[in-house]
PDB file of N, CA and C in Angstrom:
ATOM      1  N   MET A   1    -157.262 134.937  -9.447  1.00  0.00           N
ATOM      2  CA  MET A   1    -158.384 134.809 -10.353  1.00  0.00           C
ATOM      3  C   MET A   1    -158.918 136.204 -10.686  1.00  0.00           C
ATOM      4  N   ALA A   2    -159.027 136.507 -11.960  1.00  0.00           N
ATOM      5  CA  ALA A   2    -159.503 137.818 -12.394  1.00  0.00           C
ATOM      6  C   ALA A   2    -161.004 137.936 -12.149  1.00  0.00           C
ATOM      7  N   LYS A   3    -161.414 139.130 -11.747  1.00  0.00           N
ATOM      8  CA  LYS A   3    -162.837 139.384 -11.522  1.00  0.00           C
ATOM      9  C   LYS A   3    -163.486 139.812 -12.823  1.00  0.00           C
ATOM     10  N   SER A   4    -164.709 139.335 -13.056  1.00  0.00           N
ATOM     11  CA  SER A   4    -165.469 139.757 -14.226  1.00  0.00           C
ATOM     12  C   SER A   4    -166.260 141.006 -13.882  1.00  0.00           C
ATOM     13  N   ILE A   5    -166.476 141.835 -14.880  1.00  0.00           N
ATOM     14  CA  ILE A   5    -167.256 143.053 -14.721  1.00  0.00           C
ATOM     15  C   ILE A   5    -168.524 142.909 -15.547  1.00  0.00           C
ATOM     16  N   PRO A   6    -169.690 143.140 -14.947  1.00  0.00           N
ATOM     17  CA  PRO A   6    -170.934 143.085 -15.725  1.00  0.00           C
ATOM     18  C   PRO A   6    -170.926 144.165 -16.809  1.00  0.00           C
ATOM     19  N   PHE A   7    -171.562 143.888 -17.934  1.00  0.00           N
ATOM     20  CA  PHE A   7    -171.616 144.855 -19.026  1.00  0.00           C
ATOM     21  C   PHE A   7    -172.931 144.701 -19.772  1.00  0.00           C
ATOM     22  N   PHE A   8    -173.344 145.759 -20.457  1.00  0.00           N
ATOM     23  CA  PHE A   8    -174.542 145.764 -21.296  1.00  0.00           C
ATOM     24  C   PHE A   8    -174.103 145.883 -22.747  1.00  0.00           C
ATOM     25  N   PHE A   9    -174.850 145.228 -23.645  1.00  0.00           N
ATOM     26  CA  PHE A   9    -174.595 145.370 -25.070  1.00  0.00           C
ATOM     27  C   PHE A   9    -175.857 145.031 -25.837  1.00  0.00           C
ATOM     28  N   GLN A  10    -175.892 145.439 -27.096  1.00  0.00           N
ATOM     29  CA  GLN A  10    -177.016 145.113 -27.963  1.00  0.00           C
ATOM     30  C   GLN A  10    -176.593 143.968 -28.870  1.00  0.00           C
ATOM     31  N   SER A  11    -177.375 142.889 -28.853  1.00  0.00           N
ATOM     32  CA  SER A  11    -177.056 141.748 -29.714  1.00  0.00           C
ATOM     33  C   SER A  11    -177.523 142.037 -31.138  1.00  0.00           C
ATOM     34  N   ARG A  12    -177.133 141.197 -32.052  1.00  0.00           N
ATOM     35  CA  ARG A  12    -177.525 141.377 -33.454  1.00  0.00           C
ATOM     36  C   ARG A  12    -179.034 141.324 -33.645  1.00  0.00           C
ATOM     37  N   SER A  13    -179.732 140.668 -32.717  1.00  0.00           N
ATOM     38  CA  SER A  13    -181.190 140.587 -32.802  1.00  0.00           C
ATOM     39  C   SER A  13    -181.859 141.895 -32.393  1.00  0.00           C
ATOM     40  N   GLY A  14    -181.082 142.815 -31.803  1.00  0.00           N
ATOM     41  CA  GLY A  14    -181.622 144.091 -31.355  1.00  0.00           C
ATOM     42  C   GLY A  14    -181.915 144.142 -29.868  1.00  0.00           C
ATOM     43  N   HIS A  15    -181.870 142.982 -29.196  1.00  0.00           N
ATOM     44  CA  HIS A  15    -182.125 142.930 -27.759  1.00  0.00           C
ATOM     45  C   HIS A  15    -180.950 143.491 -26.971  1.00  0.00           C
ATOM     46  N   ILE A  16    -181.257 144.088 -25.823  1.00  0.00           N
ATOM     47  CA  ILE A  16    -180.233 144.548 -24.905  1.00  0.00           C
ATOM     48  C   ILE A  16    -179.925 143.385 -23.976  1.00  0.00           C
ATOM     49  N   ARG A  17    -178.648 143.107 -23.796  1.00  0.00           N
ATOM     50  CA  ARG A  17    -178.227 141.958 -23.003  1.00  0.00           C
ATOM     51  C   ARG A  17    -177.338 142.409 -21.855  1.00  0.00           C
ATOM     52  N   LEU A  18    -177.409 141.674 -20.766  1.00  0.00           N
ATOM     53  CA  LEU A  18    -176.520 141.854 -19.624  1.00  0.00           C
ATOM     54  C   LEU A  18    -175.534 140.708 -19.673  1.00  0.00           C
ATOM     55  N   GLY A  19    -174.257 141.046 -19.753  1.00  0.00           N
ATOM     56  CA  GLY A  19    -173.225 140.025 -19.807  1.00  0.00           C
ATOM     57  C   GLY A  19    -172.377 140.028 -18.554  1.00  0.00           C
ATOM     58  N   TYR A  20    -171.856 138.863 -18.233  1.00  0.00           N
ATOM     59  CA  TYR A  20    -170.958 138.703 -17.092  1.00  0.00           C
ATOM     60  C   TYR A  20    -170.044 137.532 -17.411  1.00  0.00           C
ATOM     61  N   GLY A  21    -168.763 137.817 -17.531  1.00  0.00           N
ATOM     62  CA  GLY A  21    -167.843 136.752 -17.938  1.00  0.00           C
ATOM     63  C   GLY A  21    -168.153 136.325 -19.356  1.00  0.00           C
ATOM     64  N   ASN A  22    -168.384 135.028 -19.551  1.00  0.00           N
ATOM     65  CA  ASN A  22    -168.692 134.537 -20.895  1.00  0.00           C
ATOM     66  C   ASN A  22    -170.153 134.145 -21.060  1.00  0.00           C
ATOM     67  N   VAL A  23    -171.034 134.634 -20.177  1.00  0.00           N
ATOM     68  CA  VAL A  23    -172.464 134.368 -20.290  1.00  0.00           C
ATOM     69  C   VAL A  23    -173.223 135.688 -20.374  1.00  0.00           C
ATOM     70  N   SER A  24    -174.422 135.640 -20.956  1.00  0.00           N
ATOM     71  CA  SER A  24    -175.260 136.831 -21.031  1.00  0.00           C
ATOM     72  C   SER A  24    -176.723 136.420 -21.059  1.00  0.00           C
ATOM     73  N   THR A  25    -177.585 137.368 -20.752  1.00  0.00           N
ATOM     74  CA  THR A  25    -179.021 137.128 -20.772  1.00  0.00           C
ATOM     75  C   THR A  25    -179.722 138.334 -21.367  1.00  0.00           C
ATOM     76  N   ILE A  26    -180.816 138.088 -22.060  1.00  0.00           N
ATOM     77  CA  ILE A  26    -181.607 139.166 -22.659  1.00  0.00           C
ATOM     78  C   ILE A  26    -182.410 139.851 -21.555  1.00  0.00           C
ATOM     79  N   LEU A  27    -182.382 141.178 -21.575  1.00  0.00           N
ATOM     80  CA  LEU A  27    -183.181 141.950 -20.625  1.00  0.00           C
ATOM     81  C   LEU A  27    -184.558 142.234 -21.227  1.00  0.00           C
ATOM     82  N   THR A  28    -185.564 142.251 -20.367  1.00  0.00           N
ATOM     83  CA  THR A  28    -186.901 142.629 -20.814  1.00  0.00           C
ATOM     84  C   THR A  28    -186.962 144.146 -20.925  1.00  0.00           C
ATOM     85  N   ARG A  29    -187.981 144.644 -21.602  1.00  0.00           N
ATOM     86  CA  ARG A  29    -188.170 146.091 -21.717  1.00  0.00           C
ATOM     87  C   ARG A  29    -188.318 146.719 -20.325  1.00  0.00           C
ATOM     88  N   GLU A  30    -189.015 146.033 -19.430  1.00  0.00           N
ATOM     89  CA  GLU A  30    -189.221 146.529 -18.073  1.00  0.00           C
ATOM     90  C   GLU A  30    -187.892 146.618 -17.313  1.00  0.00           C
ATOM     91  N   GLN A  31    -187.028 145.623 -17.489  1.00  0.00           N
ATOM     92  CA  GLN A  31    -185.725 145.649 -16.825  1.00  0.00           C
ATOM     93  C   GLN A  31    -184.864 146.800 -17.338  1.00  0.00           C
ATOM     94  N   ILE A  32    -184.917 147.054 -18.632  1.00  0.00           N
ATOM     95  CA  ILE A  32    -184.166 148.168 -19.211  1.00  0.00           C
ATOM     96  C   ILE A  32    -184.624 149.480 -18.584  1.00  0.00           C
ATOM     97  N   ASP A  33    -185.937 149.648 -18.473  1.00  0.00           N
ATOM     98  CA  ASP A  33    -186.490 150.870 -17.878  1.00  0.00           C
ATOM     99  C   ASP A  33    -186.150 150.978 -16.399  1.00  0.00           C
ATOM    100  N   GLU A  34    -186.313 149.887 -15.650  1.00  0.00           N
ATOM    101  CA  GLU A  34    -186.059 149.916 -14.207  1.00  0.00           C
ATOM    102  C   GLU A  34    -184.586 150.160 -13.876  1.00  0.00           C
ATOM    103  N   LEU A  35    -183.693 149.667 -14.729  1.00  0.00           N
ATOM    104  CA  LEU A  35    -182.254 149.861 -14.511  1.00  0.00           C
ATOM    105  C   LEU A  35    -181.764 151.195 -15.086  1.00  0.00           C
ATOM    106  N   HIS A  36    -182.655 151.926 -15.744  1.00  0.00           N
ATOM    107  CA  HIS A  36    -182.326 153.230 -16.346  1.00  0.00           C
ATOM    108  C   HIS A  36    -181.131 153.125 -17.286  1.00  0.00           C
ATOM    109  N   ILE A  37    -181.156 152.113 -18.131  1.00  0.00           N
ATOM    110  CA  ILE A  37    -180.069 151.909 -19.081  1.00  0.00           C
ATOM    111  C   ILE A  37    -180.219 152.900 -20.232  1.00  0.00           C
ATOM    112  N   ASP A  38    -179.192 153.666 -20.488  1.00  0.00           N
ATOM    113  CA  ASP A  38    -179.167 154.589 -21.615  1.00  0.00           C
ATOM    114  C   ASP A  38    -178.639 153.819 -22.825  1.00  0.00           C
ATOM    115  N   CYS A  39    -179.542 153.247 -23.591  1.00  0.00           N
ATOM    116  CA  CYS A  39    -179.141 152.404 -24.719  1.00  0.00           C
ATOM    117  C   CYS A  39    -178.308 153.177 -25.732  1.00  0.00           C
ATOM    118  N   TYR A  40    -178.536 154.471 -25.850  1.00  0.00           N
ATOM    119  CA  TYR A  40    -177.791 155.273 -26.817  1.00  0.00           C
ATOM    120  C   TYR A  40    -176.312 155.380 -26.460  1.00  0.00           C
ATOM    121  N   SER A  41    -175.957 155.052 -25.218  1.00  0.00           N
ATOM    122  CA  SER A  41    -174.545 155.087 -24.838  1.00  0.00           C
ATOM    123  C   SER A  41    -173.822 153.793 -25.210  1.00  0.00           C
ATOM    124  N   LEU A  42    -174.560 152.777 -25.627  1.00  0.00           N
ATOM    125  CA  LEU A  42    -173.940 151.515 -26.036  1.00  0.00           C
ATOM    126  C   LEU A  42    -173.312 151.681 -27.416  1.00  0.00           C
ATOM    127  N   SER A  43    -172.125 151.133 -27.594  1.00  0.00           N
ATOM    128  CA  SER A  43    -171.483 151.267 -28.896  1.00  0.00           C
ATOM    129  C   SER A  43    -172.297 150.527 -29.953  1.00  0.00           C
ATOM    130  N   ASP A  44    -172.406 151.129 -31.113  1.00  0.00           N
ATOM    131  CA  ASP A  44    -173.139 150.553 -32.249  1.00  0.00           C
ATOM    132  C   ASP A  44    -174.610 150.284 -31.954  1.00  0.00           C
ATOM    133  N   PHE A  45    -175.233 151.085 -31.053  1.00  0.00           N
ATOM    134  CA  PHE A  45    -176.660 150.916 -30.762  1.00  0.00           C
ATOM    135  C   PHE A  45    -177.473 151.269 -32.001  1.00  0.00           C
ATOM    136  N   SER A  46    -178.444 150.413 -32.323  1.00  0.00           N
ATOM    137  CA  SER A  46    -179.349 150.655 -33.442  1.00  0.00           C
ATOM    138  C   SER A  46    -180.773 150.767 -32.906  1.00  0.00           C
ATOM    139  N   HIS A  47    -181.330 151.959 -33.017  1.00  0.00           N
ATOM    140  CA  HIS A  47    -182.708 152.171 -32.555  1.00  0.00           C
ATOM    141  C   HIS A  47    -183.680 151.319 -33.363  1.00  0.00           C
ATOM    142  N   ASP A  48    -183.456 151.216 -34.666  1.00  0.00           N
ATOM    143  CA  ASP A  48    -184.341 150.406 -35.514  1.00  0.00           C
ATOM    144  C   ASP A  48    -184.351 148.941 -35.088  1.00  0.00           C
ATOM    145  N   ASP A  49    -183.171 148.383 -34.791  1.00  0.00           N
ATOM    146  CA  ASP A  49    -183.100 146.992 -34.329  1.00  0.00           C
ATOM    147  C   ASP A  49    -183.774 146.832 -32.970  1.00  0.00           C
ATOM    148  N   PHE A  50    -183.613 147.842 -32.106  1.00  0.00           N
ATOM    149  CA  PHE A  50    -184.254 147.811 -30.791  1.00  0.00           C
ATOM    150  C   PHE A  50    -185.777 147.760 -30.934  1.00  0.00           C
ATOM    151  N   VAL A  51    -186.305 148.609 -31.804  1.00  0.00           N
ATOM    152  CA  VAL A  51    -187.760 148.652 -32.020  1.00  0.00           C
ATOM    153  C   VAL A  51    -188.258 147.316 -32.556  1.00  0.00           C
ATOM    154  N   LYS A  52    -187.516 146.717 -33.484  1.00  0.00           N
ATOM    155  CA  LYS A  52    -187.910 145.411 -34.027  1.00  0.00           C
ATOM    156  C   LYS A  52    -187.892 144.338 -32.937  1.00  0.00           C
ATOM    157  N   ALA A  53    -186.874 144.368 -32.086  1.00  0.00           N
ATOM    158  CA  ALA A  53    -186.730 143.339 -31.049  1.00  0.00           C
ATOM    159  C   ALA A  53    -187.791 143.461 -29.965  1.00  0.00           C
ATOM    160  N   TYR A  54    -188.117 144.690 -29.593  1.00  0.00           N
ATOM    161  CA  TYR A  54    -189.034 144.898 -28.472  1.00  0.00           C
ATOM    162  C   TYR A  54    -190.420 145.351 -28.899  1.00  0.00           C
ATOM    163  N   SER A  55    -190.632 145.516 -30.202  1.00  0.00           N
ATOM    164  CA  SER A  55    -191.938 145.926 -30.728  1.00  0.00           C
ATOM    165  C   SER A  55    -192.497 147.126 -29.981  1.00  0.00           C
ATOM    166  N   THR A  56    -191.671 148.170 -29.871  1.00  0.00           N
ATOM    167  CA  THR A  56    -192.086 149.380 -29.156  1.00  0.00           C
ATOM    168  C   THR A  56    -191.864 150.599 -30.050  1.00  0.00           C
ATOM    169  N   PRO A  57    -192.752 150.824 -31.008  1.00  0.00           N
ATOM    170  CA  PRO A  57    -192.520 151.917 -31.949  1.00  0.00           C
ATOM    171  C   PRO A  57    -192.595 153.312 -31.341  1.00  0.00           C
ATOM    172  N   ASN A  58    -193.281 153.476 -30.220  1.00  0.00           N
ATOM    173  CA  ASN A  58    -193.482 154.812 -29.670  1.00  0.00           C
ATOM    174  C   ASN A  58    -192.557 155.164 -28.526  1.00  0.00           C
ATOM    175  N   LYS A  59    -191.721 154.241 -28.070  1.00  0.00           N
ATOM    176  CA  LYS A  59    -190.891 154.511 -26.905  1.00  0.00           C
ATOM    177  C   LYS A  59    -189.486 153.971 -27.133  1.00  0.00           C
ATOM    178  N   ALA A  60    -188.517 154.852 -27.038  1.00  0.00           N
ATOM    179  CA  ALA A  60    -187.119 154.441 -27.182  1.00  0.00           C
ATOM    180  C   ALA A  60    -186.549 154.168 -25.801  1.00  0.00           C
ATOM    181  N   CYS A  61    -185.290 153.779 -25.746  1.00  0.00           N
ATOM    182  CA  CYS A  61    -184.630 153.545 -24.466  1.00  0.00           C
ATOM    183  C   CYS A  61    -184.597 154.815 -23.641  1.00  0.00           C
ATOM    184  N   THR A  62    -184.486 154.630 -22.346  1.00  0.00           N
ATOM    185  CA  THR A  62    -184.421 155.748 -21.422  1.00  0.00           C
ATOM    186  C   THR A  62    -183.203 156.607 -21.712  1.00  0.00           C
ATOM    187  N   ARG A  63    -183.412 157.884 -21.747  1.00  0.00           N
ATOM    188  CA  ARG A  63    -182.323 158.852 -21.899  1.00  0.00           C
ATOM    189  C   ARG A  63    -182.087 159.481 -20.542  1.00  0.00           C
ATOM    190  N   LEU A  64    -180.982 159.157 -19.892  1.00  0.00           N
ATOM    191  CA  LEU A  64    -180.669 159.749 -18.600  1.00  0.00           C
ATOM    192  C   LEU A  64    -179.869 161.021 -18.800  1.00  0.00           C
ATOM    193  N   GLY A  65    -179.807 161.835 -17.774  1.00  0.00           N
ATOM    194  CA  GLY A  65    -179.042 163.067 -17.854  1.00  0.00           C
ATOM    195  C   GLY A  65    -179.953 164.274 -17.874  1.00  0.00           C
ATOM    196  N   ALA A  66    -181.104 164.185 -18.497  1.00  0.00           N
ATOM    197  CA  ALA A  66    -182.080 165.265 -18.472  1.00  0.00           C
ATOM    198  C   ALA A  66    -182.949 165.087 -17.244  1.00  0.00           C
ATOM    199  N   GLY A  67    -183.156 166.130 -16.508  1.00  0.00           N
ATOM    200  CA  GLY A  67    -183.996 166.034 -15.327  1.00  0.00           C
ATOM    201  C   GLY A  67    -183.240 165.644 -14.087  1.00  0.00           C
ATOM    202  N   GLY A  68    -181.920 165.751 -14.101  1.00  0.00           N
ATOM    203  CA  GLY A  68    -181.133 165.540 -12.896  1.00  0.00           C
ATOM    204  C   GLY A  68    -180.631 164.133 -12.667  1.00  0.00           C
ATOM    205  N   ALA A  69    -181.025 163.171 -13.466  1.00  0.00           N
ATOM    206  CA  ALA A  69    -180.532 161.804 -13.273  1.00  0.00           C
ATOM    207  C   ALA A  69    -179.092 161.728 -13.753  1.00  0.00           C
ATOM    208  N   SER A  70    -178.309 160.867 -13.133  1.00  0.00           N
ATOM    209  CA  SER A  70    -176.907 160.737 -13.534  1.00  0.00           C
ATOM    210  C   SER A  70    -176.796 159.855 -14.763  1.00  0.00           C
ATOM    211  N   GLU A  71    -175.783 160.117 -15.543  1.00  0.00           N
ATOM    212  CA  GLU A  71    -175.552 159.353 -16.755  1.00  0.00           C
ATOM    213  C   GLU A  71    -175.139 157.933 -16.420  1.00  0.00           C
ATOM    214  N   SER A  72    -175.596 156.979 -17.191  1.00  0.00           N
ATOM    215  CA  SER A  72    -175.229 155.582 -17.025  1.00  0.00           C
ATOM    216  C   SER A  72    -173.835 155.366 -17.582  1.00  0.00           C
ATOM    217  N   LYS A  73    -173.014 154.636 -16.877  1.00  0.00           N
ATOM    218  CA  LYS A  73    -171.661 154.296 -17.339  1.00  0.00           C
ATOM    219  C   LYS A  73    -171.628 152.813 -17.602  1.00  0.00           C
ATOM    220  N   ASN A  74    -171.816 152.416 -18.845  1.00  0.00           N
ATOM    221  CA  ASN A  74    -171.882 151.010 -19.211  1.00  0.00           C
ATOM    222  C   ASN A  74    -170.580 150.557 -19.820  1.00  0.00           C
ATOM    223  N   THR A  75    -170.088 149.410 -19.383  1.00  0.00           N
ATOM    224  CA  THR A  75    -168.973 148.773 -20.040  1.00  0.00           C
ATOM    225  C   THR A  75    -169.559 147.948 -21.173  1.00  0.00           C
ATOM    226  N   VAL A  76    -169.035 148.112 -22.364  1.00  0.00           N
ATOM    227  CA  VAL A  76    -169.649 147.494 -23.529  1.00  0.00           C
ATOM    228  C   VAL A  76    -168.722 146.439 -24.101  1.00  0.00           C
ATOM    229  N   ALA A  77    -169.317 145.308 -24.451  1.00  0.00           N
ATOM    230  CA  ALA A  77    -168.575 144.219 -25.084  1.00  0.00           C
ATOM    231  C   ALA A  77    -169.047 144.099 -26.526  1.00  0.00           C
ATOM    232  N   PRO A  78    -168.310 143.432 -27.349  1.00  0.00           N
ATOM    233  CA  PRO A  78    -168.737 143.224 -28.734  1.00  0.00           C
ATOM    234  C   PRO A  78    -170.075 142.510 -28.774  1.00  0.00           C
ATOM    235  N   SER A  79    -170.922 142.910 -29.706  1.00  0.00           N
ATOM    236  CA  SER A  79    -172.229 142.254 -29.820  1.00  0.00           C
ATOM    237  C   SER A  79    -172.054 140.869 -30.405  1.00  0.00           C
ATOM    238  N   GLY A  80    -173.039 140.039 -30.128  1.00  0.00           N
ATOM    239  CA  GLY A  80    -172.909 138.669 -30.617  1.00  0.00           C
ATOM    240  C   GLY A  80    -174.049 137.908 -30.295  1.00  0.00           C
TER     241      GLY A  80
END
């Protein structure tokens, strides 16, 4: 039996989702921050869609790498 790998992606609605196998769930803004997800590393990330989905005009996704934090390595699946 093949093992599934968790992955992050941005859905068409602009939300960041955590996927595993053939299921996924929308992450809250707090979960994105706590998990230090670098949304800009997701393929086809749209900041405008993110702002619309999370209604956060003044704060974008966490940018890791500056200040000594390690870069996030996200496996990305097609959005949907």
